PDB file of N, CA and C in Angstrom:
ATOM      1  N   MET A   1     -12.303   2.673  12.859  1.00  0.00           N
ATOM      2  CA  MET A   1     -12.581   3.393  11.730  1.00  0.00           C
ATOM      3  C   MET A   1     -11.201   3.913  11.087  1.00  0.00           C
ATOM      4  N   ALA A   2     -10.686   4.051  12.218  1.00  0.00           N
ATOM      5  CA  ALA A   2      -9.004   4.262  11.628  1.00  0.00           C
ATOM      6  C   ALA A   2      -7.957   3.681  10.875  1.00  0.00           C
ATOM      7  N   TRP A   3      -8.989   2.109  11.144  1.00  0.00           N
ATOM      8  CA  TRP A   3      -8.216   0.858  10.688  1.00  0.00           C
ATOM      9  C   TRP A   3      -9.034   0.561   9.016  1.00  0.00           C
ATOM     10  N   ILE A   4     -10.078   0.919   8.713  1.00  0.00           N
ATOM     11  CA  ILE A   4     -10.430   1.191   7.722  1.00  0.00           C
ATOM     12  C   ILE A   4     -10.041   2.089   6.812  1.00  0.00           C
ATOM     13  N   VAL A   5      -9.676   3.355   7.470  1.00  0.00           N
ATOM     14  CA  VAL A   5      -9.503   4.286   6.659  1.00  0.00           C
ATOM     15  C   VAL A   5      -7.537   4.172   6.523  1.00  0.00           C
ATOM     16  N   LEU A   6      -7.167   3.401   6.747  1.00  0.00           N
ATOM     17  CA  LEU A   6      -5.644   2.803   7.019  1.00  0.00           C
ATOM     18  C   LEU A   6      -5.702   1.816   5.845  1.00  0.00           C
ATOM     19  N   ILE A   7      -6.342   0.868   5.559  1.00  0.00           N
ATOM     20  CA  ILE A   7      -6.183  -0.293   4.550  1.00  0.00           C
ATOM     21  C   ILE A   7      -6.884  -0.070   3.429  1.00  0.00           C
ATOM     22  N   ILE A   8      -7.607   1.476   3.587  1.00  0.00           N
ATOM     23  CA  ILE A   8      -7.995   2.093   1.923  1.00  0.00           C
ATOM     24  C   ILE A   8      -6.645   3.086   1.941  1.00  0.00           C
ATOM     25  N   SER A   9      -6.374   3.566   2.647  1.00  0.00           N
ATOM     26  CA  SER A   9      -5.179   4.317   2.401  1.00  0.00           C
ATOM     27  C   SER A   9      -3.896   3.407   1.699  1.00  0.00           C
ATOM     28  N   GLY A  10      -3.321   1.874   2.756  1.00  0.00           N
ATOM     29  CA  GLY A  10      -2.308   1.414   1.659  1.00  0.00           C
ATOM     30  C   GLY A  10      -3.033   0.985   0.767  1.00  0.00           C
ATOM     31  N   LEU A  11      -3.690   1.103   0.802  1.00  0.00           N
ATOM     32  CA  LEU A  11      -4.632   0.385  -0.958  1.00  0.00           C
ATOM     33  C   LEU A  11      -4.136   2.017  -1.912  1.00  0.00           C
ATOM     34  N   LEU A  12      -4.163   2.537  -1.301  1.00  0.00           N
ATOM     35  CA  LEU A  12      -3.955   3.780  -2.845  1.00  0.00           C
ATOM     36  C   LEU A  12      -2.724   3.935  -2.792  1.00  0.00           C
ATOM     37  N   GLU A  13      -1.546   3.813  -1.546  1.00  0.00           N
ATOM     38  CA  GLU A  13      -0.497   3.385  -1.780  1.00  0.00           C
ATOM     39  C   GLU A  13      -0.249   2.950  -3.082  1.00  0.00           C
ATOM     40  N   ALA A  14      -0.792   1.791  -3.163  1.00  0.00           N
ATOM     41  CA  ALA A  14      -0.328   0.932  -4.364  1.00  0.00           C
ATOM     42  C   ALA A  14      -0.830   1.339  -5.681  1.00  0.00           C
ATOM     43  N   VAL A  15      -2.083   1.729  -5.737  1.00  0.00           N
ATOM     44  CA  VAL A  15      -2.395   2.944  -6.637  1.00  0.00           C
ATOM     45  C   VAL A  15      -1.209   3.612  -7.065  1.00  0.00           C
ATOM     46  N   TRP A  16      -0.800   4.196  -6.098  1.00  0.00           N
ATOM     47  CA  TRP A  16       0.134   5.302  -6.284  1.00  0.00           C
ATOM     48  C   TRP A  16       1.518   5.098  -6.909  1.00  0.00           C
ATOM     49  N   ALA A  17       2.072   3.867  -5.696  1.00  0.00           N
ATOM     50  CA  ALA A  17       2.896   2.911  -6.828  1.00  0.00           C
ATOM     51  C   ALA A  17       2.836   2.997  -7.899  1.00  0.00           C
ATOM     52  N   THR A  18       2.013   2.387  -8.542  1.00  0.00           N
ATOM     53  CA  THR A  18       1.694   1.727  -9.969  1.00  0.00           C
ATOM     54  C   THR A  18       1.543   2.895 -10.738  1.00  0.00           C
ATOM     55  N   ALA A  19       0.973   3.508 -10.132  1.00  0.00           N
ATOM     56  CA  ALA A  19       0.465   4.932 -11.613  1.00  0.00           C
ATOM     57  C   ALA A  19       2.061   5.387 -11.515  1.00  0.00           C
ATOM     58  N   LEU A  20       2.921   6.095 -10.816  1.00  0.00           N
ATOM     59  CA  LEU A  20       4.035   6.315 -10.601  1.00  0.00           C
ATOM     60  C   LEU A  20       5.082   5.321 -11.613  1.00  0.00           C
ATOM     61  N   GLY A  21       5.072   4.018 -11.637  1.00  0.00           N
ATOM     62  CA  GLY A  21       5.697   3.157 -12.266  1.00  0.00           C
ATOM     63  C   GLY A  21       5.116   3.658 -14.299  1.00  0.00           C
ATOM     64  N   LYS A  22       3.950   3.631 -14.061  1.00  0.00           N
ATOM     65  CA  LYS A  22       3.232   3.736 -15.670  1.00  0.00           C
ATOM     66  C   LYS A  22       3.253   4.993 -16.260  1.00  0.00           C
ATOM     67  N   SER A  23       3.675   5.927 -15.448  1.00  0.00           N
ATOM     68  CA  SER A  23       4.203   7.400 -15.767  1.00  0.00           C
ATOM     69  C   SER A  23       5.089   7.871 -16.218  1.00  0.00           C
ATOM     70  N   GLU A  24       6.426   7.017 -16.263  1.00  0.00           N
ATOM     71  CA  GLU A  24       7.594   6.489 -16.891  1.00  0.00           C
ATOM     72  C   GLU A  24       8.341   8.536 -16.753  1.00  0.00           C
ATOM     73  N   GLY A  25       8.463   8.627 -15.357  1.00  0.00           N
ATOM     74  CA  GLY A  25       8.773   9.360 -14.621  1.00  0.00           C
ATOM     75  C   GLY A  25       8.128  10.861 -14.619  1.00  0.00           C
ATOM     76  N   LEU A  26       6.736  10.771 -14.658  1.00  0.00           N
ATOM     77  CA  LEU A  26       5.419  11.564 -14.660  1.00  0.00           C
ATOM     78  C   LEU A  26       6.193  12.561 -16.026  1.00  0.00           C
ATOM     79  N   SER A  27       6.228  11.730 -16.734  1.00  0.00           N
ATOM     80  CA  SER A  27       5.794  12.455 -18.806  1.00  0.00           C
ATOM     81  C   SER A  27       4.467  12.124 -19.139  1.00  0.00           C
ATOM     82  N   LYS A  28       3.663  10.950 -18.832  1.00  0.00           N
ATOM     83  CA  LYS A  28       2.825  10.579 -19.583  1.00  0.00           C
ATOM     84  C   LYS A  28       1.240  11.101 -18.137  1.00  0.00           C
ATOM     85  N   LEU A  29       0.398  12.123 -18.383  1.00  0.00           N
ATOM     86  CA  LEU A  29      -0.001  12.747 -18.210  1.00  0.00           C
ATOM     87  C   LEU A  29      -1.336  12.055 -17.517  1.00  0.00           C
ATOM     88  N   THR A  30      -2.455  11.111 -18.154  1.00  0.00           N
ATOM     89  CA  THR A  30      -2.810  10.131 -17.229  1.00  0.00           C
ATOM     90  C   THR A  30      -2.169   9.869 -15.931  1.00  0.00           C
ATOM     91  N   PRO A  31      -1.777   8.664 -16.079  1.00  0.00           N
ATOM     92  CA  PRO A  31      -1.301   8.209 -15.008  1.00  0.00           C
ATOM     93  C   PRO A  31       0.246   8.936 -14.184  1.00  0.00           C
ATOM     94  N   SER A  32       0.124   9.913 -14.646  1.00  0.00           N
ATOM     95  CA  SER A  32       0.491  11.134 -13.115  1.00  0.00           C
ATOM     96  C   SER A  32      -0.400  12.324 -12.694  1.00  0.00           C
ATOM     97  N   ILE A  33      -1.434  11.957 -13.432  1.00  0.00           N
ATOM     98  CA  ILE A  33      -2.470  12.387 -12.640  1.00  0.00           C
ATOM     99  C   ILE A  33      -3.534  11.451 -11.277  1.00  0.00           C
ATOM    100  N   VAL A  34      -3.237  10.213 -12.066  1.00  0.00           N
ATOM    101  CA  VAL A  34      -3.542   9.141 -10.924  1.00  0.00           C
ATOM    102  C   VAL A  34      -2.202   8.939  -9.914  1.00  0.00           C
ATOM    103  N   PHE A  35      -0.954   8.862 -10.264  1.00  0.00           N
ATOM    104  CA  PHE A  35      -0.773   9.163  -9.017  1.00  0.00           C
ATOM    105  C   PHE A  35      -0.521  10.790  -8.616  1.00  0.00           C
ATOM    106  N   VAL A  36      -0.908  11.927  -8.914  1.00  0.00           N
ATOM    107  CA  VAL A  36      -1.444  12.964  -7.748  1.00  0.00           C
ATOM    108  C   VAL A  36      -2.023  13.064  -6.428  1.00  0.00           C
ATOM    109  N   ILE A  37      -3.049  12.199  -7.324  1.00  0.00           N
ATOM    110  CA  ILE A  37      -4.763  12.061  -6.592  1.00  0.00           C
ATOM    111  C   ILE A  37      -4.426  11.500  -5.609  1.00  0.00           C
ATOM    112  N   ALA A  38      -3.893   9.290  -5.723  1.00  0.00           N
ATOM    113  CA  ALA A  38      -3.743   8.635  -5.212  1.00  0.00           C
ATOM    114  C   ALA A  38      -2.973   8.870  -3.822  1.00  0.00           C
ATOM    115  N   ILE A  39      -1.372  10.066  -4.290  1.00  0.00           N
ATOM    116  CA  ILE A  39      -0.774  10.464  -3.125  1.00  0.00           C
ATOM    117  C   ILE A  39      -1.198  11.223  -2.410  1.00  0.00           C
ATOM    118  N   ILE A  40      -1.756  11.916  -2.772  1.00  0.00           N
ATOM    119  CA  ILE A  40      -2.258  13.149  -1.309  1.00  0.00           C
ATOM    120  C   ILE A  40      -3.922  12.543  -1.065  1.00  0.00           C
ATOM    121  N   ALA A  41      -4.765  11.342  -1.226  1.00  0.00           N
ATOM    122  CA  ALA A  41      -5.264  10.718  -0.710  1.00  0.00           C
ATOM    123  C   ALA A  41      -5.176   9.556  -0.033  1.00  0.00           C
ATOM    124  N   SER A  42      -3.884   9.061  -0.510  1.00  0.00           N
ATOM    125  CA  SER A  42      -2.955   8.240   1.127  1.00  0.00           C
ATOM    126  C   SER A  42      -2.560   8.393   2.009  1.00  0.00           C
ATOM    127  N   MET A  43      -1.979  10.078   1.518  1.00  0.00           N
ATOM    128  CA  MET A  43      -1.453  10.218   3.044  1.00  0.00           C
ATOM    129  C   MET A  43      -2.736  11.252   4.157  1.00  0.00           C
ATOM    130  N   ALA A  44      -3.363  11.674   3.080  1.00  0.00           N
ATOM    131  CA  ALA A  44      -4.509  11.828   4.006  1.00  0.00           C
ATOM    132  C   ALA A  44      -4.739  10.936   5.257  1.00  0.00           C
ATOM    133  N   GLY A  45      -5.534  10.171   4.294  1.00  0.00           N
ATOM    134  CA  GLY A  45      -6.000   9.013   4.976  1.00  0.00           C
ATOM    135  C   GLY A  45      -4.631   7.866   6.108  1.00  0.00           C
ATOM    136  N   LEU A  46      -3.445   8.429   5.698  1.00  0.00           N
ATOM    137  CA  LEU A  46      -2.388   7.832   6.834  1.00  0.00           C
ATOM    138  C   LEU A  46      -2.482   8.968   7.723  1.00  0.00           C
ATOM    139  N   ALA A  47      -3.116  10.319   7.403  1.00  0.00           N
ATOM    140  CA  ALA A  47      -2.834  11.564   8.644  1.00  0.00           C
ATOM    141  C   ALA A  47      -4.054  10.626   9.080  1.00  0.00           C
ATOM    142  N   TYR A  48      -5.272  10.762   9.274  1.00  0.00           N
ATOM    143  CA  TYR A  48      -6.287  10.696   9.757  1.00  0.00           C
ATOM    144  C   TYR A  48      -6.010   9.700  11.262  1.00  0.00           C
ATOM    145  N   ALA A  49      -6.062   8.353  10.434  1.00  0.00           N
ATOM    146  CA  ALA A  49      -5.537   7.258  10.932  1.00  0.00           C
ATOM    147  C   ALA A  49      -4.401   7.161  12.548  1.00  0.00           C
ATOM    148  N   THR A  50      -3.686   8.092  12.165  1.00  0.00           N
ATOM    149  CA  THR A  50      -2.458   8.395  13.011  1.00  0.00           C
ATOM    150  C   THR A  50      -2.848   9.079  14.106  1.00  0.00           C
ATOM    151  N   ARG A  51      -4.335   9.954  13.750  1.00  0.00           N
ATOM    152  CA  ARG A  51      -5.025  10.533  14.742  1.00  0.00           C
ATOM    153  C   ARG A  51      -4.921   9.945  16.427  1.00  0.00           C
ATOM    154  N   THR A  52      -5.023   8.541  16.059  1.00  0.00           N
ATOM    155  CA  THR A  52      -5.357   6.930  17.086  1.00  0.00           C
ATOM    156  C   THR A  52      -5.082   6.442  17.052  1.00  0.00           C
ATOM    157  N   LEU A  53      -4.423   5.388  16.325  1.00  0.00           N
ATOM    158  CA  LEU A  53      -3.320   4.991  16.068  1.00  0.00           C
ATOM    159  C   LEU A  53      -2.209   4.870  16.099  1.00  0.00           C
ATOM    160  N   PRO A  54      -1.035   4.221  16.670  1.00  0.00           N
ATOM    161  CA  PRO A  54       0.660   4.623  16.517  1.00  0.00           C
ATOM    162  C   PRO A  54       1.055   5.314  15.114  1.00  0.00           C
ATOM    163  N   ILE A  55       1.610   6.020  15.461  1.00  0.00           N
ATOM    164  CA  ILE A  55       2.494   6.380  14.033  1.00  0.00           C
ATOM    165  C   ILE A  55       3.221   4.929  13.351  1.00  0.00           C
ATOM    166  N   GLY A  56       4.095   4.058  14.449  1.00  0.00           N
ATOM    167  CA  GLY A  56       5.136   3.034  14.613  1.00  0.00           C
ATOM    168  C   GLY A  56       4.009   2.169  13.313  1.00  0.00           C
ATOM    169  N   THR A  57       2.810   2.018  14.443  1.00  0.00           N
ATOM    170  CA  THR A  57       2.015   1.011  13.379  1.00  0.00           C
ATOM    171  C   THR A  57       0.987   1.129  12.833  1.00  0.00           C
ATOM    172  N   ALA A  58       0.826   2.929  12.333  1.00  0.00           N
ATOM    173  CA  ALA A  58       0.328   2.989  11.166  1.00  0.00           C
ATOM    174  C   ALA A  58       1.251   2.782   9.965  1.00  0.00           C
ATOM    175  N   TYR A  59       1.877   3.252  10.225  1.00  0.00           N
ATOM    176  CA  TYR A  59       2.997   3.530   8.931  1.00  0.00           C
ATOM    177  C   TYR A  59       3.712   2.173   8.871  1.00  0.00           C
ATOM    178  N   ALA A  60       3.397   1.280   9.615  1.00  0.00           N
ATOM    179  CA  ALA A  60       4.133  -0.303   8.724  1.00  0.00           C
ATOM    180  C   ALA A  60       3.043  -0.715   8.327  1.00  0.00           C
ATOM    181  N   VAL A  61       1.666  -0.679   8.383  1.00  0.00           N
ATOM    182  CA  VAL A  61       0.247  -1.274   8.181  1.00  0.00           C
ATOM    183  C   VAL A  61       0.264  -0.482   6.712  1.00  0.00           C
ATOM    184  N   TRP A  62       0.670   0.771   6.894  1.00  0.00           N
ATOM    185  CA  TRP A  62       0.463   1.408   5.699  1.00  0.00           C
ATOM    186  C   TRP A  62       1.257   0.858   4.346  1.00  0.00           C
ATOM    187  N   VAL A  63       2.798   0.830   4.451  1.00  0.00           N
ATOM    188  CA  VAL A  63       3.790  -0.135   3.840  1.00  0.00           C
ATOM    189  C   VAL A  63       3.500  -0.945   3.772  1.00  0.00           C
ATOM    190  N   GLY A  64       3.023  -1.693   3.926  1.00  0.00           N
ATOM    191  CA  GLY A  64       2.680  -3.438   4.506  1.00  0.00           C
ATOM    192  C   GLY A  64       1.346  -3.569   3.351  1.00  0.00           C
ATOM    193  N   VAL A  65       0.819  -3.318   3.050  1.00  0.00           N
ATOM    194  CA  VAL A  65      -0.538  -3.499   2.471  1.00  0.00           C
ATOM    195  C   VAL A  65      -0.355  -2.698   1.459  1.00  0.00           C
ATOM    196  N   GLY A  66       0.573  -1.784   1.015  1.00  0.00           N
ATOM    197  CA  GLY A  66       0.930  -0.749  -0.218  1.00  0.00           C
ATOM    198  C   GLY A  66       2.083  -2.250  -1.051  1.00  0.00           C
ATOM    199  N   ALA A  67       2.926  -1.729  -0.199  1.00  0.00           N
ATOM    200  CA  ALA A  67       3.849  -3.328  -0.372  1.00  0.00           C
ATOM    201  C   ALA A  67       3.326  -4.576  -1.283  1.00  0.00           C
ATOM    202  N   VAL A  68       2.616  -5.346  -0.883  1.00  0.00           N
ATOM    203  CA  VAL A  68       1.815  -6.739  -0.632  1.00  0.00           C
ATOM    204  C   VAL A  68       1.396  -6.294  -1.909  1.00  0.00           C
ATOM    205  N   LEU A  69       0.394  -5.249  -2.533  1.00  0.00           N
ATOM    206  CA  LEU A  69      -1.213  -4.809  -3.429  1.00  0.00           C
ATOM    207  C   LEU A  69      -0.026  -4.809  -4.897  1.00  0.00           C
ATOM    208  N   THR A  70       1.260  -3.714  -4.507  1.00  0.00           N
ATOM    209  CA  THR A  70       2.105  -3.083  -5.405  1.00  0.00           C
ATOM    210  C   THR A  70       2.353  -4.822  -6.341  1.00  0.00           C
ATOM    211  N   ILE A  71       3.183  -5.269  -5.475  1.00  0.00           N
ATOM    212  CA  ILE A  71       4.017  -5.976  -5.966  1.00  0.00           C
ATOM    213  C   ILE A  71       2.684  -7.837  -6.620  1.00  0.00           C
ATOM    214  N   GLY A  72       1.763  -7.875  -5.802  1.00  0.00           N
ATOM    215  CA  GLY A  72       0.570  -8.767  -6.097  1.00  0.00           C
ATOM    216  C   GLY A  72       0.315  -8.281  -7.367  1.00  0.00           C
ATOM    217  N   TYR A  73      -0.141  -6.977  -7.725  1.00  0.00           N
ATOM    218  CA  TYR A  73      -0.418  -6.177  -8.990  1.00  0.00           C
ATOM    219  C   TYR A  73       0.469  -6.713  -9.706  1.00  0.00           C
ATOM    220  N   ALA A  74       1.639  -6.479  -9.400  1.00  0.00           N
ATOM    221  CA  ALA A  74       2.923  -6.524 -10.669  1.00  0.00           C
ATOM    222  C   ALA A  74       2.940  -8.150 -10.594  1.00  0.00           C
ATOM    223  N   MET A  75       3.065  -8.689 -10.504  1.00  0.00           N
ATOM    224  CA  MET A  75       2.692 -10.964 -10.001  1.00  0.00           C
ATOM    225  C   MET A  75       1.395 -11.158 -11.231  1.00  0.00           C
ATOM    226  N   VAL A  76       0.285 -10.580 -11.117  1.00  0.00           N
ATOM    227  CA  VAL A  76      -0.926 -10.989 -12.040  1.00  0.00           C
ATOM    228  C   VAL A  76      -0.524 -10.392 -13.092  1.00  0.00           C
ATOM    229  N   THR A  77      -0.426  -8.968 -13.399  1.00  0.00           N
ATOM    230  CA  THR A  77      -0.045  -8.809 -14.568  1.00  0.00           C
ATOM    231  C   THR A  77       1.183  -8.535 -15.407  1.00  0.00           C
ATOM    232  N   GLY A  78       2.326  -9.263 -14.734  1.00  0.00           N
ATOM    233  CA  GLY A  78       2.980  -9.797 -15.378  1.00  0.00           C
ATOM    234  C   GLY A  78       4.408  -9.446 -15.218  1.00  0.00           C
ATOM    235  N   VAL A  79       4.068  -8.202 -14.722  1.00  0.00           N
ATOM    236  CA  VAL A  79       5.606  -7.282 -15.112  1.00  0.00           C
ATOM    237  C   VAL A  79       6.327  -7.651 -14.005  1.00  0.00           C
ATOM    238  N   GLU A  80       5.900  -8.963 -12.960  1.00  0.00           N
ATOM    239  CA  GLU A  80       6.817  -9.349 -11.788  1.00  0.00           C
ATOM    240  C   GLU A  80       7.105 -10.333 -11.743  1.00  0.00           C
ATOM    241  N   SER A  81       7.668 -11.784 -11.690  1.00  0.00           N
ATOM    242  CA  SER A  81       7.637 -12.999 -12.182  1.00  0.00           C
ATOM    243  C   SER A  81       6.773 -13.417 -10.365  1.00  0.00           C
ATOM    244  N   ILE A  82       6.337 -14.914 -10.605  1.00  0.00           N
ATOM    245  CA  ILE A  82       5.734 -15.516  -9.555  1.00  0.00           C
ATOM    246  C   ILE A  82       6.549 -16.241  -9.204  1.00  0.00           C
ATOM    247  N   SER A  83       6.541 -16.544  -7.583  1.00  0.00           N
ATOM    248  CA  SER A  83       7.260 -17.677  -7.064  1.00  0.00           C
ATOM    249  C   SER A  83       6.681 -17.487  -6.182  1.00  0.00           C
ATOM    250  N   ILE A  84       6.861 -19.130  -5.500  1.00  0.00           N
ATOM    251  CA  ILE A  84       6.153 -19.749  -4.328  1.00  0.00           C
ATOM    252  C   ILE A  84       7.094 -18.610  -3.444  1.00  0.00           C
ATOM    253  N   ILE A  85       8.182 -18.570  -3.288  1.00  0.00           N
ATOM    254  CA  ILE A  85       9.008 -18.001  -2.186  1.00  0.00           C
ATOM    255  C   ILE A  85       8.416 -16.838  -2.267  1.00  0.00           C
ATOM    256  N   LYS A  86       7.912 -16.068  -2.837  1.00  0.00           N
ATOM    257  CA  LYS A  86       7.480 -14.860  -3.036  1.00  0.00           C
ATOM    258  C   LYS A  86       6.341 -14.309  -2.433  1.00  0.00           C
ATOM    259  N   ILE A  87       5.447 -15.654  -2.921  1.00  0.00           N
ATOM    260  CA  ILE A  87       3.904 -15.347  -2.362  1.00  0.00           C
ATOM    261  C   ILE A  87       4.513 -15.552  -0.596  1.00  0.00           C
ATOM    262  N   VAL A  88       5.204 -16.765  -0.168  1.00  0.00           N
ATOM    263  CA  VAL A  88       5.412 -16.868   1.248  1.00  0.00           C
ATOM    264  C   VAL A  88       5.573 -15.845   1.920  1.00  0.00           C
ATOM    265  N   LEU A  89       6.766 -14.444   1.015  1.00  0.00           N
ATOM    266  CA  LEU A  89       7.324 -13.803   1.768  1.00  0.00           C
ATOM    267  C   LEU A  89       6.324 -12.709   2.141  1.00  0.00           C
ATOM    268  N   LEU A  90       5.523 -12.541   1.066  1.00  0.00           N
ATOM    269  CA  LEU A  90       4.046 -11.673   0.890  1.00  0.00           C
ATOM    270  C   LEU A  90       3.477 -12.265   1.895  1.00  0.00           C
ATOM    271  N   LEU A  91       3.317 -13.108   2.232  1.00  0.00           N
ATOM    272  CA  LEU A  91       2.064 -13.608   3.385  1.00  0.00           C
ATOM    273  C   LEU A  91       2.602 -13.540   4.809  1.00  0.00           C
ATOM    274  N   MET A  92       4.089 -13.990   4.828  1.00  0.00           N
ATOM    275  CA  MET A  92       4.759 -13.075   5.965  1.00  0.00           C
ATOM    276  C   MET A  92       3.908 -11.560   6.631  1.00  0.00           C
ATOM    277  N   ILE A  93       5.014 -10.758   5.410  1.00  0.00           N
ATOM    278  CA  ILE A  93       4.158  -9.484   5.818  1.00  0.00           C
ATOM    279  C   ILE A  93       2.824  -9.304   6.279  1.00  0.00           C
ATOM    280  N   VAL A  94       2.005 -10.306   5.075  1.00  0.00           N
ATOM    281  CA  VAL A  94       0.487  -9.910   6.326  1.00  0.00           C
ATOM    282  C   VAL A  94      -0.066 -10.373   7.049  1.00  0.00           C
ATOM    283  N   ALA A  95       0.963 -10.722   7.408  1.00  0.00           N
ATOM    284  CA  ALA A  95       0.780 -12.016   8.693  1.00  0.00           C
ATOM    285  C   ALA A  95       1.108 -10.843   9.738  1.00  0.00           C
ATOM    286  N   GLY A  96       2.219 -10.226   9.681  1.00  0.00           N
ATOM    287  CA  GLY A  96       2.947  -9.117  10.176  1.00  0.00           C
ATOM    288  C   GLY A  96       2.130  -8.351  10.370  1.00  0.00           C
ATOM    289  N   ILE A  97       1.012  -7.637   9.653  1.00  0.00           N
ATOM    290  CA  ILE A  97      -0.115  -6.544   9.567  1.00  0.00           C
ATOM    291  C   ILE A  97      -1.243  -7.006  10.635  1.00  0.00           C
ATOM    292  N   VAL A  98      -1.544  -8.302  10.229  1.00  0.00           N
ATOM    293  CA  VAL A  98      -2.530  -8.671  11.271  1.00  0.00           C
ATOM    294  C   VAL A  98      -2.071  -8.758  12.873  1.00  0.00           C
ATOM    295  N   GLY A  99      -0.805  -9.205  12.714  1.00  0.00           N
ATOM    296  CA  GLY A  99      -0.160  -9.138  14.509  1.00  0.00           C
ATOM    297  C   GLY A  99      -0.417  -7.972  14.921  1.00  0.00           C
ATOM    298  N   LEU A 100      -0.203  -6.602  14.344  1.00  0.00           N
ATOM    299  CA  LEU A 100       0.032  -5.515  14.613  1.00  0.00           C
ATOM    300  C   LEU A 100      -1.266  -5.501  14.698  1.00  0.00           C
ATOM    301  N   LYS A 101      -2.807  -5.769  14.026  1.00  0.00           N
ATOM    302  CA  LYS A 101      -3.990  -5.291  14.152  1.00  0.00           C
ATOM    303  C   LYS A 101      -5.012  -5.943  15.663  1.00  0.00           C
ATOM    304  N   LEU A 102      -4.076  -7.338  15.590  1.00  0.00           N
ATOM    305  CA  LEU A 102      -4.101  -8.189  16.874  1.00  0.00           C
ATOM    306  C   LEU A 102      -3.782  -7.284  17.608  1.00  0.00           C
ATOM    307  N   LEU A 103      -2.645  -6.901  18.330  1.00  0.00           N
ATOM    308  CA  LEU A 103      -1.449  -6.686  19.274  1.00  0.00           C
ATOM    309  C   LEU A 103      -2.439  -4.930  20.181  1.00  0.00           C
ATOM    310  N   HIS A 104      -2.821  -4.418  18.448  1.00  0.00           N
ATOM    311  CA  HIS A 104      -3.425  -2.974  19.325  1.00  0.00           C
ATOM    312  C   HIS A 104      -4.487  -3.152  19.798  1.00  0.00           C
ATOM    313  N   ASP A 105      -5.481  -3.960  19.375  1.00  0.00           N
ATOM    314  CA  ASP A 105      -6.662  -4.357  20.244  1.00  0.00           C
ATOM    315  C   ASP A 105      -6.343  -4.854  21.638  1.00  0.00           C
TER     316      ASP A 105
END
């Protein structure tokens, strides 16, 4: 259960990071509200996951999932350029996350 919550928390990290960018320094109301709700839920999920997972592993997975999804979303929406090297590097992050999961079991 901790792994599922951790992955969802990583997804929420991507939500709050994207909302923060769209809030223009917390000056736009709707993205600012999304940011606050998502960051609280994301942190709560990370805290829950660390009850059973080592903090280093949990944090690395949380950040990795959030980073990959944030960059992936930016690439799909055209905010970030797409290149083969970026995709390979993102896949390396995903491989690291999978490796941490496999080593934990």
